[in-house]
Amino acid sequence: MNIKLPSRQQQWLEDQIAAGQFASLDEALALAVADLMAAETDDLAWAKPYVDEARASLARGDAITGEEYLKGLDRKVRDPRSR
């Protein structure tokens, strides 16, 4: 199989191989394809319990605004002992 990449991508791959990030071009491309395949099949079902809990928390009123959160964060940064 022959693959033609844009020169910028080819140079980046060559630099990564030279830096020891990959043993070869074949390894780098195999990893890239494996990542694409994994992303295609990841249905995010694992996240459903977290989303359900967040929704339940909001329904109970256990929430603050972003502004309130940032104010609290700012207080903690200014006075680390307030944690």
N, C-alpha and C. Protein backbone atom coordinates (compact mmCIF):
# COMPACT_ATOMS: atom_id res chain seq x y z
N MET A 1 0.85 -1.17 0.00
CA MET A 1 0.00 0.00 0.00
C MET A 1 0.90 1.24 0.00
N ASN A 2 0.62 2.15 -0.90
CA ASN A 2 1.34 3.41 -0.93
C ASN A 2 0.43 4.49 -0.38
N ILE A 3 0.97 5.31 0.50
CA ILE A 3 0.21 6.39 1.10
C ILE A 3 0.94 7.69 0.84
N LYS A 4 0.21 8.67 0.35
CA LYS A 4 0.79 9.99 0.09
C LYS A 4 0.21 10.97 1.10
N LEU A 5 1.07 11.51 1.95
CA LEU A 5 0.66 12.48 2.96
C LEU A 5 1.09 13.88 2.55
N PRO A 6 0.38 14.89 3.02
CA PRO A 6 0.86 16.26 2.81
C PRO A 6 2.26 16.39 3.44
N SER A 7 3.08 17.22 2.85
CA SER A 7 4.48 17.32 3.29
C SER A 7 4.59 17.69 4.77
N ARG A 8 3.70 18.52 5.25
CA ARG A 8 3.75 18.93 6.67
C ARG A 8 3.53 17.72 7.58
N GLN A 9 2.56 16.87 7.23
CA GLN A 9 2.30 15.68 8.04
C GLN A 9 3.46 14.68 7.94
N GLN A 10 3.98 14.52 6.76
CA GLN A 10 5.11 13.60 6.57
C GLN A 10 6.31 14.06 7.39
N GLN A 11 6.59 15.35 7.37
CA GLN A 11 7.72 15.88 8.13
C GLN A 11 7.50 15.68 9.63
N TRP A 12 6.26 15.92 10.09
CA TRP A 12 5.96 15.73 11.50
C TRP A 12 6.21 14.28 11.91
N LEU A 13 5.74 13.34 11.09
CA LEU A 13 5.96 11.92 11.38
C LEU A 13 7.44 11.59 11.42
N GLU A 14 8.19 12.08 10.46
CA GLU A 14 9.63 11.82 10.43
C GLU A 14 10.31 12.39 11.68
N ASP A 15 9.88 13.57 12.11
CA ASP A 15 10.44 14.18 13.32
C ASP A 15 10.11 13.33 14.55
N GLN A 16 8.89 12.81 14.62
CA GLN A 16 8.48 11.99 15.76
C GLN A 16 9.27 10.68 15.81
N ILE A 17 9.49 10.10 14.65
CA ILE A 17 10.28 8.87 14.58
C ILE A 17 11.72 9.16 15.01
N ALA A 18 12.29 10.25 14.52
CA ALA A 18 13.66 10.62 14.89
C ALA A 18 13.78 10.89 16.39
N ALA A 19 12.71 11.41 17.00
CA ALA A 19 12.72 11.71 18.43
C ALA A 19 12.45 10.47 19.27
N GLY A 20 12.17 9.35 18.62
CA GLY A 20 11.94 8.12 19.35
C GLY A 20 10.51 7.89 19.81
N GLN A 21 9.59 8.72 19.33
CA GLN A 21 8.19 8.55 19.71
C GLN A 21 7.59 7.28 19.08
N PHE A 22 8.08 6.94 17.91
CA PHE A 22 7.65 5.74 17.19
C PHE A 22 8.89 5.04 16.66
N ALA A 23 8.81 3.71 16.59
CA ALA A 23 9.94 2.95 16.06
C ALA A 23 10.03 3.06 14.55
N SER A 24 8.87 3.26 13.92
CA SER A 24 8.84 3.31 12.45
C SER A 24 7.59 4.03 11.98
N LEU A 25 7.58 4.33 10.70
CA LEU A 25 6.40 4.94 10.09
C LEU A 25 5.21 3.98 10.18
N ASP A 26 5.46 2.68 9.98
CA ASP A 26 4.39 1.69 10.08
C ASP A 26 3.75 1.72 11.46
N GLU A 27 4.57 1.81 12.51
CA GLU A 27 4.04 1.84 13.88
C GLU A 27 3.19 3.09 14.10
N ALA A 28 3.67 4.23 13.64
CA ALA A 28 2.94 5.49 13.82
C ALA A 28 1.59 5.45 13.12
N LEU A 29 1.58 4.97 11.89
CA LEU A 29 0.32 4.91 11.14
C LEU A 29 -0.63 3.87 11.70
N ALA A 30 -0.10 2.73 12.16
CA ALA A 30 -0.95 1.71 12.77
C ALA A 30 -1.62 2.26 14.02
N LEU A 31 -0.89 3.02 14.83
CA LEU A 31 -1.46 3.61 16.03
C LEU A 31 -2.54 4.64 15.67
N ALA A 32 -2.28 5.45 14.66
CA ALA A 32 -3.26 6.45 14.24
C ALA A 32 -4.55 5.79 13.76
N VAL A 33 -4.43 4.73 12.99
CA VAL A 33 -5.61 4.02 12.49
C VAL A 33 -6.34 3.35 13.65
N ALA A 34 -5.61 2.75 14.59
CA ALA A 34 -6.24 2.11 15.75
C ALA A 34 -7.02 3.13 16.56
N ASP A 35 -6.47 4.33 16.74
CA ASP A 35 -7.18 5.39 17.47
C ASP A 35 -8.45 5.80 16.74
N LEU A 36 -8.39 5.93 15.42
CA LEU A 36 -9.58 6.27 14.65
C LEU A 36 -10.64 5.18 14.76
N MET A 37 -10.21 3.94 14.72
CA MET A 37 -11.16 2.83 14.83
C MET A 37 -11.81 2.81 16.22
N ALA A 38 -11.03 3.06 17.25
CA ALA A 38 -11.57 3.07 18.61
C ALA A 38 -12.57 4.20 18.78
N ALA A 39 -12.27 5.36 18.22
CA ALA A 39 -13.18 6.50 18.33
C ALA A 39 -14.50 6.22 17.62
N GLU A 40 -14.42 5.47 16.56
CA GLU A 40 -15.61 5.14 15.79
C GLU A 40 -16.56 4.22 16.56
N THR A 41 -16.00 3.37 17.40
CA THR A 41 -16.82 2.40 18.11
C THR A 41 -17.14 2.82 19.54
N ASP A 42 -16.58 3.90 20.03
CA ASP A 42 -16.83 4.35 21.40
C ASP A 42 -18.20 5.02 21.47
N ASP A 43 -19.17 4.33 22.08
CA ASP A 43 -20.53 4.85 22.12
C ASP A 43 -20.81 5.68 23.38
N LEU A 44 -19.82 5.85 24.22
CA LEU A 44 -19.92 6.65 25.44
C LEU A 44 -20.94 6.12 26.43
N ALA A 45 -21.32 4.85 26.31
CA ALA A 45 -22.27 4.26 27.25
C ALA A 45 -21.74 4.32 28.68
N TRP A 46 -20.43 4.28 28.83
CA TRP A 46 -19.83 4.34 30.16
C TRP A 46 -20.18 5.64 30.88
N ALA A 47 -20.49 6.71 30.14
CA ALA A 47 -20.75 8.02 30.74
C ALA A 47 -22.18 8.18 31.23
N LYS A 48 -23.09 7.30 30.80
CA LYS A 48 -24.50 7.45 31.14
C LYS A 48 -24.75 7.54 32.64
N PRO A 49 -24.15 6.69 33.49
CA PRO A 49 -24.40 6.83 34.93
C PRO A 49 -23.99 8.20 35.49
N TYR A 50 -22.92 8.75 34.96
CA TYR A 50 -22.47 10.07 35.42
C TYR A 50 -23.44 11.16 34.99
N VAL A 51 -23.93 11.07 33.78
CA VAL A 51 -24.91 12.04 33.29
C VAL A 51 -26.21 11.93 34.08
N ASP A 52 -26.64 10.70 34.34
CA ASP A 52 -27.86 10.50 35.11
C ASP A 52 -27.73 11.08 36.52
N GLU A 53 -26.59 10.87 37.16
CA GLU A 53 -26.37 11.43 38.50
C GLU A 53 -26.34 12.95 38.47
N ALA A 54 -25.72 13.52 37.45
CA ALA A 54 -25.68 14.98 37.33
C ALA A 54 -27.09 15.54 37.16
N ARG A 55 -27.89 14.89 36.34
CA ARG A 55 -29.27 15.35 36.15
C ARG A 55 -30.07 15.24 37.44
N ALA A 56 -29.89 14.15 38.18
CA ALA A 56 -30.60 13.98 39.46
C ALA A 56 -30.16 15.05 40.45
N SER A 57 -28.88 15.35 40.47
CA SER A 57 -28.36 16.38 41.36
C SER A 57 -28.99 17.74 41.04
N LEU A 58 -29.08 18.04 39.76
CA LEU A 58 -29.72 19.30 39.36
C LEU A 58 -31.19 19.32 39.74
N ALA A 59 -31.87 18.21 39.56
CA ALA A 59 -33.29 18.12 39.91
C ALA A 59 -33.50 18.34 41.41
N ARG A 60 -32.53 17.91 42.24
CA ARG A 60 -32.62 18.11 43.69
C ARG A 60 -32.26 19.54 44.08
N GLY A 61 -31.74 20.31 43.14
CA GLY A 61 -31.33 21.68 43.44
C GLY A 61 -29.91 21.77 43.95
N ASP A 62 -29.15 20.70 43.83
CA ASP A 62 -27.76 20.69 44.28
C ASP A 62 -26.86 21.29 43.21
N ALA A 63 -26.99 22.57 42.98
CA ALA A 63 -26.20 23.20 41.93
C ALA A 63 -25.91 24.65 42.30
N ILE A 64 -24.84 25.15 41.75
CA ILE A 64 -24.53 26.57 41.88
C ILE A 64 -24.25 27.10 40.48
N THR A 65 -24.32 28.39 40.34
CA THR A 65 -24.04 28.99 39.03
C THR A 65 -22.54 28.98 38.79
N GLY A 66 -22.17 29.15 37.54
CA GLY A 66 -20.76 29.25 37.20
C GLY A 66 -20.11 30.43 37.91
N GLU A 67 -20.86 31.52 38.03
CA GLU A 67 -20.33 32.71 38.70
C GLU A 67 -20.04 32.41 40.18
N GLU A 68 -20.95 31.69 40.84
CA GLU A 68 -20.73 31.33 42.24
C GLU A 68 -19.51 30.43 42.39
N TYR A 69 -19.39 29.48 41.49
CA TYR A 69 -18.24 28.57 41.52
C TYR A 69 -16.93 29.35 41.37
N LEU A 70 -16.88 30.26 40.40
CA LEU A 70 -15.66 31.03 40.16
C LEU A 70 -15.32 31.93 41.34
N LYS A 71 -16.34 32.49 41.99
CA LYS A 71 -16.08 33.32 43.18
C LYS A 71 -15.46 32.48 44.29
N GLY A 72 -16.00 31.28 44.50
CA GLY A 72 -15.45 30.39 45.51
C GLY A 72 -14.03 29.97 45.18
N LEU A 73 -13.78 29.70 43.92
CA LEU A 73 -12.44 29.34 43.47
C LEU A 73 -11.46 30.49 43.69
N ASP A 74 -11.92 31.68 43.40
CA ASP A 74 -11.08 32.87 43.60
C ASP A 74 -10.74 33.03 45.08
N ARG A 75 -11.71 32.81 45.97
CA ARG A 75 -11.44 32.89 47.41
C ARG A 75 -10.38 31.88 47.82
N LYS A 76 -10.46 30.67 47.28
CA LYS A 76 -9.49 29.63 47.63
C LYS A 76 -8.09 29.98 47.15
N VAL A 77 -8.01 30.62 45.99
CA VAL A 77 -6.70 31.01 45.45
C VAL A 77 -6.10 32.11 46.30
N ARG A 78 -6.95 33.06 46.71
CA ARG A 78 -6.45 34.17 47.52
C ARG A 78 -6.07 33.72 48.94
N ASP A 79 -6.83 32.76 49.50
CA ASP A 79 -6.56 32.29 50.87
C ASP A 79 -6.60 30.78 50.89
N PRO A 80 -5.45 30.13 50.63
CA PRO A 80 -5.41 28.67 50.55
C PRO A 80 -5.89 27.99 51.84
N ARG A 81 -5.82 28.68 52.96
CA ARG A 81 -6.27 28.09 54.24
C ARG A 81 -7.78 27.94 54.30
N SER A 82 -8.51 28.59 53.39
CA SER A 82 -9.98 28.52 53.42
C SER A 82 -10.51 27.23 52.82
N ARG A 83 -9.62 26.39 52.37
CA ARG A 83 -10.05 25.13 51.75
C ARG A 83 -10.66 24.28 52.81
